[in-house]
Amino acid sequence: FVTSGLRLGTPALTTRGMGAIEMETIARLIHSVLANPEDEDRLQAAGNEVRALCRTFPLYAEIYQEMSN
């Protein structure tokens, strides 16, 4: 019952249209947060970057476009 790491999958990312570059960005963000969990500025910056990434790759792009019009 002892965990030794994280298991991350990519289906949700590829569904949004993300590729290798975005996955490298996500890995960097995960590392940044795990390496500095008490750094509020870093956590805020990572959250902002995640929100920007999600806006760039909306889950349902067709619905997002309809709502934007």
C-alpha atoms as a PDB file:
ATOM      1  CA  PHE A   1       0.000   0.000   0.000  1.00  0.00           C
ATOM      2  CA  VAL A   2       3.007   2.283  -0.334  1.00  0.00           C
ATOM      3  CA  THR A   3       3.070   4.432  -3.435  1.00  0.00           C
ATOM      4  CA  SER A   4       6.302   5.185  -5.197  1.00  0.00           C
ATOM      5  CA  GLY A   5       5.344   7.732  -7.812  1.00  0.00           C
ATOM      6  CA  LEU A   6       2.736   9.174 -10.116  1.00  0.00           C
ATOM      7  CA  ARG A   7       1.089   7.456 -13.026  1.00  0.00           C
ATOM      8  CA  LEU A   8      -0.052   9.907 -15.663  1.00  0.00           C
ATOM      9  CA  GLY A   9      -1.933   9.169 -18.849  1.00  0.00           C
ATOM     10  CA  THR A  10      -2.196  11.183 -22.031  1.00  0.00           C
ATOM     11  CA  PRO A  11      -5.679  10.431 -23.462  1.00  0.00           C
ATOM     12  CA  ALA A  12      -7.224  13.589 -22.005  1.00  0.00           C
ATOM     13  CA  LEU A  13      -4.386  15.669 -23.429  1.00  0.00           C
ATOM     14  CA  THR A  14      -4.537  14.186 -26.920  1.00  0.00           C
ATOM     15  CA  THR A  15      -8.334  14.535 -26.914  1.00  0.00           C
ATOM     16  CA  ARG A  16      -7.779  18.264 -26.509  1.00  0.00           C
ATOM     17  CA  GLY A  17      -5.280  18.277 -29.383  1.00  0.00           C
ATOM     18  CA  MET A  18      -2.138  18.636 -27.294  1.00  0.00           C
ATOM     19  CA  GLY A  19       1.109  17.162 -28.519  1.00  0.00           C
ATOM     20  CA  ALA A  20       4.667  16.588 -27.379  1.00  0.00           C
ATOM     21  CA  ILE A  21       5.425  20.269 -26.770  1.00  0.00           C
ATOM     22  CA  GLU A  22       2.441  20.699 -24.464  1.00  0.00           C
ATOM     23  CA  MET A  23       3.304  17.473 -22.639  1.00  0.00           C
ATOM     24  CA  GLU A  24       6.805  18.815 -21.986  1.00  0.00           C
ATOM     25  CA  THR A  25       5.220  21.990 -20.618  1.00  0.00           C
ATOM     26  CA  ILE A  26       2.936  19.957 -18.359  1.00  0.00           C
ATOM     27  CA  ALA A  27       5.879  17.875 -17.110  1.00  0.00           C
ATOM     28  CA  ARG A  28       7.789  21.080 -16.320  1.00  0.00           C
ATOM     29  CA  LEU A  29       4.788  22.465 -14.423  1.00  0.00           C
ATOM     30  CA  ILE A  30       4.324  19.272 -12.420  1.00  0.00           C
ATOM     31  CA  HIS A  31       8.020  19.261 -11.521  1.00  0.00           C
ATOM     32  CA  SER A  32       7.940  22.914 -10.553  1.00  0.00           C
ATOM     33  CA  VAL A  33       4.994  22.438  -8.191  1.00  0.00           C
ATOM     34  CA  LEU A  34       6.269  19.191  -6.639  1.00  0.00           C
ATOM     35  CA  ALA A  35       9.752  20.634  -6.115  1.00  0.00           C
ATOM     36  CA  ASN A  36       8.410  23.837  -4.501  1.00  0.00           C
ATOM     37  CA  PRO A  37       5.074  23.050  -2.804  1.00  0.00           C
ATOM     38  CA  GLU A  38       5.378  25.951  -0.339  1.00  0.00           C
ATOM     39  CA  ASP A  39       6.249  28.630  -2.923  1.00  0.00           C
ATOM     40  CA  GLU A  40       2.943  30.483  -3.333  1.00  0.00           C
ATOM     41  CA  ASP A  41       4.223  32.625  -6.207  1.00  0.00           C
ATOM     42  CA  ARG A  42       5.341  29.548  -8.124  1.00  0.00           C
ATOM     43  CA  LEU A  43       2.017  27.803  -7.444  1.00  0.00           C
ATOM     44  CA  GLN A  44       0.111  30.851  -8.679  1.00  0.00           C
ATOM     45  CA  ALA A  45       2.262  31.079 -11.816  1.00  0.00           C
ATOM     46  CA  ALA A  46       1.790  27.364 -12.531  1.00  0.00           C
ATOM     47  CA  GLY A  47      -1.973  27.699 -12.088  1.00  0.00           C
ATOM     48  CA  ASN A  48      -2.048  30.640 -14.479  1.00  0.00           C
ATOM     49  CA  GLU A  49      -0.067  28.683 -17.049  1.00  0.00           C
ATOM     50  CA  VAL A  50      -2.374  25.672 -16.711  1.00  0.00           C
ATOM     51  CA  ARG A  51      -5.464  27.861 -17.221  1.00  0.00           C
ATOM     52  CA  ALA A  52      -3.891  29.458 -20.306  1.00  0.00           C
ATOM     53  CA  LEU A  53      -3.033  26.033 -21.710  1.00  0.00           C
ATOM     54  CA  CYS A  54      -6.596  24.815 -21.138  1.00  0.00           C
ATOM     55  CA  ARG A  55      -8.013  27.906 -22.864  1.00  0.00           C
ATOM     56  CA  THR A  56      -5.727  27.270 -25.839  1.00  0.00           C
ATOM     57  CA  PHE A  57      -6.879  23.634 -26.036  1.00  0.00           C
ATOM     58  CA  PRO A  58     -10.539  23.610 -24.921  1.00  0.00           C
ATOM     59  CA  LEU A  59     -12.025  20.196 -24.238  1.00  0.00           C
ATOM     60  CA  TYR A  60     -14.985  20.751 -26.524  1.00  0.00           C
ATOM     61  CA  ALA A  61     -13.686  23.265 -29.064  1.00  0.00           C
ATOM     62  CA  GLU A  62     -16.938  23.294 -31.050  1.00  0.00           C
ATOM     63  CA  ILE A  63     -19.001  24.255 -28.004  1.00  0.00           C
ATOM     64  CA  TYR A  64     -16.406  26.796 -26.911  1.00  0.00           C
ATOM     65  CA  GLN A  65     -16.541  28.464 -30.337  1.00  0.00           C
ATOM     66  CA  GLU A  66     -20.347  28.587 -30.281  1.00  0.00           C
ATOM     67  CA  MET A  67     -20.304  30.200 -26.838  1.00  0.00           C
ATOM     68  CA  SER A  68     -17.742  32.776 -27.981  1.00  0.00           C
ATOM     69  CA  ASN A  69     -19.945  33.949 -30.864  1.00  0.00           C
END
